[in-house]
């Protein structure tokens, strides 16, 4: 792997505010699993936050008009 990992990332944006970065592909490949973990973590956190606001199963069963033990 030549010197790709040693190459300096290039950060750019407008008005001196970083908006994006160019980095060596070899470095991107190494970072990708960690980026995916972060994205999955955000998704799980959002879903857990949504489920905290939802009603318990017994409440949902009653709301739909079923008797709790109807299917046993």
N, C-alpha and C. Protein backbone atom coordinates (compact mmCIF):
# COMPACT_ATOMS: atom_id res chain seq x y z
N UNK A 1 0.85 -1.18 0.00
CA UNK A 1 0.00 0.00 0.00
C UNK A 1 0.89 1.23 0.00
N UNK A 2 1.31 1.66 -1.02
CA UNK A 2 2.21 2.81 -1.15
C UNK A 2 2.18 3.74 0.05
N UNK A 3 2.10 5.01 -0.18
CA UNK A 3 2.06 5.98 0.92
C UNK A 3 0.66 6.52 1.10
N UNK A 4 -0.33 5.82 0.60
CA UNK A 4 -1.70 6.32 0.62
C UNK A 4 -2.17 6.64 2.04
N UNK A 5 -1.87 5.78 2.98
CA UNK A 5 -2.32 6.03 4.34
C UNK A 5 -1.63 7.23 4.97
N UNK A 6 -0.48 7.58 4.47
CA UNK A 6 0.25 8.72 5.01
C UNK A 6 -0.17 10.04 4.36
N UNK A 7 -0.97 9.97 3.30
CA UNK A 7 -1.39 11.18 2.62
C UNK A 7 -2.26 12.03 3.54
N UNK A 8 -2.12 13.32 3.44
CA UNK A 8 -2.87 14.25 4.27
C UNK A 8 -4.28 14.42 3.72
N UNK A 9 -5.30 14.24 4.55
CA UNK A 9 -6.67 14.50 4.10
C UNK A 9 -6.83 15.98 3.73
N UNK A 10 -7.69 16.25 2.77
CA UNK A 10 -7.95 17.61 2.32
C UNK A 10 -9.35 17.99 2.79
N UNK A 11 -9.42 19.04 3.60
CA UNK A 11 -10.69 19.52 4.14
C UNK A 11 -11.08 20.77 3.38
N UNK A 12 -12.36 20.83 2.97
CA UNK A 12 -12.80 22.02 2.26
C UNK A 12 -14.23 22.38 2.62
N UNK A 13 -14.58 23.62 2.36
CA UNK A 13 -15.91 24.13 2.65
C UNK A 13 -15.94 25.61 2.30
N UNK A 14 -17.05 26.24 2.63
CA UNK A 14 -17.16 27.66 2.32
C UNK A 14 -17.07 28.47 3.61
N UNK A 15 -16.59 29.68 3.47
CA UNK A 15 -16.48 30.62 4.60
C UNK A 15 -15.70 30.03 5.76
N UNK A 16 -14.64 29.33 5.44
CA UNK A 16 -13.74 28.73 6.44
C UNK A 16 -14.44 27.76 7.39
N UNK A 17 -15.51 27.15 6.92
CA UNK A 17 -16.22 26.15 7.71
C UNK A 17 -16.06 24.80 7.02
N UNK A 18 -15.49 23.81 7.70
CA UNK A 18 -15.30 22.51 7.06
C UNK A 18 -16.65 21.86 6.73
N UNK A 19 -16.77 21.39 5.49
CA UNK A 19 -18.00 20.74 5.05
C UNK A 19 -17.76 19.33 4.51
N UNK A 20 -16.57 19.06 4.05
CA UNK A 20 -16.27 17.75 3.48
C UNK A 20 -14.77 17.50 3.58
N UNK A 21 -14.42 16.24 3.36
CA UNK A 21 -13.00 15.88 3.41
C UNK A 21 -12.71 14.85 2.33
N UNK A 22 -11.58 15.03 1.68
CA UNK A 22 -11.06 14.04 0.74
C UNK A 22 -9.96 13.28 1.48
N UNK A 23 -10.05 11.96 1.44
CA UNK A 23 -9.02 11.19 2.09
C UNK A 23 -8.66 10.00 1.22
N UNK A 24 -7.50 9.45 1.46
CA UNK A 24 -7.07 8.31 0.66
C UNK A 24 -8.06 7.16 0.77
N UNK A 25 -8.29 6.46 -0.34
CA UNK A 25 -9.26 5.38 -0.35
C UNK A 25 -8.87 4.28 0.62
N UNK A 26 -7.60 4.00 0.75
CA UNK A 26 -7.15 2.97 1.69
C UNK A 26 -7.54 3.33 3.13
N UNK A 27 -7.45 4.60 3.47
CA UNK A 27 -7.85 5.05 4.80
C UNK A 27 -9.38 4.96 4.94
N UNK A 28 -10.10 5.34 3.91
CA UNK A 28 -11.56 5.21 3.91
C UNK A 28 -11.98 3.77 4.16
N UNK A 29 -11.31 2.82 3.50
CA UNK A 29 -11.64 1.41 3.68
C UNK A 29 -11.43 0.97 5.13
N UNK A 30 -10.42 1.51 5.77
CA UNK A 30 -10.17 1.16 7.17
C UNK A 30 -11.20 1.80 8.09
N UNK A 31 -11.66 2.98 7.73
CA UNK A 31 -12.63 3.68 8.56
C UNK A 31 -14.06 3.21 8.36
N UNK A 32 -14.37 2.63 7.22
CA UNK A 32 -15.73 2.27 6.86
C UNK A 32 -16.46 1.42 7.90
N UNK A 33 -15.87 0.37 8.46
CA UNK A 33 -16.60 -0.40 9.47
C UNK A 33 -16.98 0.45 10.69
N UNK A 34 -16.12 1.38 11.06
CA UNK A 34 -16.41 2.25 12.21
C UNK A 34 -17.51 3.25 11.87
N UNK A 35 -17.50 3.75 10.64
CA UNK A 35 -18.54 4.67 10.19
C UNK A 35 -19.88 3.95 10.19
N UNK A 36 -19.91 2.72 9.70
CA UNK A 36 -21.15 1.93 9.69
C UNK A 36 -21.64 1.68 11.11
N UNK A 37 -20.74 1.40 12.05
CA UNK A 37 -21.13 1.19 13.45
C UNK A 37 -21.78 2.44 14.02
N UNK A 38 -21.22 3.59 13.72
CA UNK A 38 -21.77 4.86 14.21
C UNK A 38 -23.16 5.08 13.62
N UNK A 39 -23.31 4.84 12.31
CA UNK A 39 -24.60 5.03 11.66
C UNK A 39 -25.65 4.06 12.23
N UNK A 40 -25.26 2.81 12.44
CA UNK A 40 -26.19 1.83 13.03
C UNK A 40 -26.55 2.22 14.46
N UNK A 41 -25.58 2.70 15.20
CA UNK A 41 -25.85 3.14 16.57
C UNK A 41 -26.86 4.27 16.61
N UNK A 42 -26.73 5.22 15.69
CA UNK A 42 -27.69 6.32 15.61
C UNK A 42 -29.09 5.79 15.27
N UNK A 43 -29.17 4.84 14.36
CA UNK A 43 -30.45 4.25 13.97
C UNK A 43 -31.09 3.51 15.14
N UNK A 44 -30.30 2.73 15.86
CA UNK A 44 -30.81 1.99 17.01
C UNK A 44 -31.29 2.97 18.08
N UNK A 45 -30.53 4.01 18.35
CA UNK A 45 -30.93 5.00 19.36
C UNK A 45 -32.25 5.67 18.98
N UNK A 46 -32.41 6.00 17.70
CA UNK A 46 -33.65 6.63 17.25
C UNK A 46 -34.82 5.68 17.40
N UNK A 47 -34.63 4.42 17.05
CA UNK A 47 -35.71 3.45 17.18
C UNK A 47 -36.06 3.18 18.64
N UNK A 48 -35.06 3.14 19.50
CA UNK A 48 -35.33 2.96 20.92
C UNK A 48 -36.10 4.15 21.49
N UNK A 49 -35.76 5.34 21.05
CA UNK A 49 -36.48 6.53 21.50
C UNK A 49 -37.93 6.49 21.05
N UNK A 50 -38.18 6.02 19.82
CA UNK A 50 -39.54 5.91 19.32
C UNK A 50 -40.32 4.83 20.08
N UNK A 51 -39.66 3.72 20.39
CA UNK A 51 -40.36 2.63 21.06
C UNK A 51 -40.69 2.99 22.50
N UNK A 52 -39.93 3.90 23.11
CA UNK A 52 -40.21 4.31 24.48
C UNK A 52 -41.54 5.05 24.55
N UNK A 53 -41.91 5.70 23.47
CA UNK A 53 -43.17 6.44 23.43
C UNK A 53 -44.34 5.54 23.06
N UNK A 54 -44.07 4.34 22.57
CA UNK A 54 -45.15 3.45 22.16
C UNK A 54 -45.77 2.77 23.36
N UNK A 55 -46.97 2.24 23.15
CA UNK A 55 -47.67 1.58 24.25
C UNK A 55 -47.21 0.14 24.38
N UNK A 56 -47.36 -0.44 25.59
CA UNK A 56 -47.00 -1.84 25.77
C UNK A 56 -47.92 -2.74 24.95
N UNK A 57 -47.51 -3.96 24.76
CA UNK A 57 -48.25 -4.90 23.94
C UNK A 57 -49.68 -5.10 24.44
N UNK A 58 -49.87 -5.21 25.74
CA UNK A 58 -51.21 -5.42 26.29
C UNK A 58 -52.13 -4.25 25.92
N UNK A 59 -51.60 -3.04 25.97
CA UNK A 59 -52.40 -1.87 25.60
C UNK A 59 -52.75 -1.88 24.12
N UNK A 60 -51.83 -2.30 23.30
CA UNK A 60 -52.07 -2.38 21.87
C UNK A 60 -53.12 -3.43 21.56
N UNK A 61 -53.05 -4.58 22.23
CA UNK A 61 -54.03 -5.65 22.02
C UNK A 61 -55.42 -5.13 22.38
N UNK A 62 -55.54 -4.46 23.51
CA UNK A 62 -56.83 -3.92 23.94
C UNK A 62 -57.31 -2.85 22.97
N UNK A 63 -56.41 -2.00 22.52
CA UNK A 63 -56.75 -0.93 21.59
C UNK A 63 -57.30 -1.48 20.27
N UNK A 64 -56.77 -2.62 19.84
CA UNK A 64 -57.24 -3.24 18.61
C UNK A 64 -58.52 -4.05 18.81
N UNK A 65 -58.96 -4.15 20.05
CA UNK A 65 -60.22 -4.83 20.32
C UNK A 65 -60.12 -6.32 20.55
N UNK A 66 -58.93 -6.83 20.77
CA UNK A 66 -58.76 -8.25 21.05
C UNK A 66 -58.76 -8.48 22.55
N UNK A 67 -59.16 -9.64 22.96
CA UNK A 67 -59.06 -10.04 24.36
C UNK A 67 -57.65 -10.56 24.59
N UNK A 68 -57.04 -10.26 25.74
CA UNK A 68 -55.64 -10.63 25.96
C UNK A 68 -55.32 -12.10 25.73
N UNK A 69 -56.20 -13.01 26.10
CA UNK A 69 -55.90 -14.45 25.98
C UNK A 69 -56.66 -15.10 24.83
N UNK A 70 -57.16 -14.34 23.92
CA UNK A 70 -58.03 -14.83 22.86
C UNK A 70 -57.34 -15.86 21.95
N UNK A 71 -56.05 -15.76 21.77
CA UNK A 71 -55.38 -16.62 20.80
C UNK A 71 -54.60 -17.75 21.45
N UNK A 72 -54.75 -17.94 22.72
CA UNK A 72 -54.01 -19.01 23.40
C UNK A 72 -54.72 -20.32 23.30
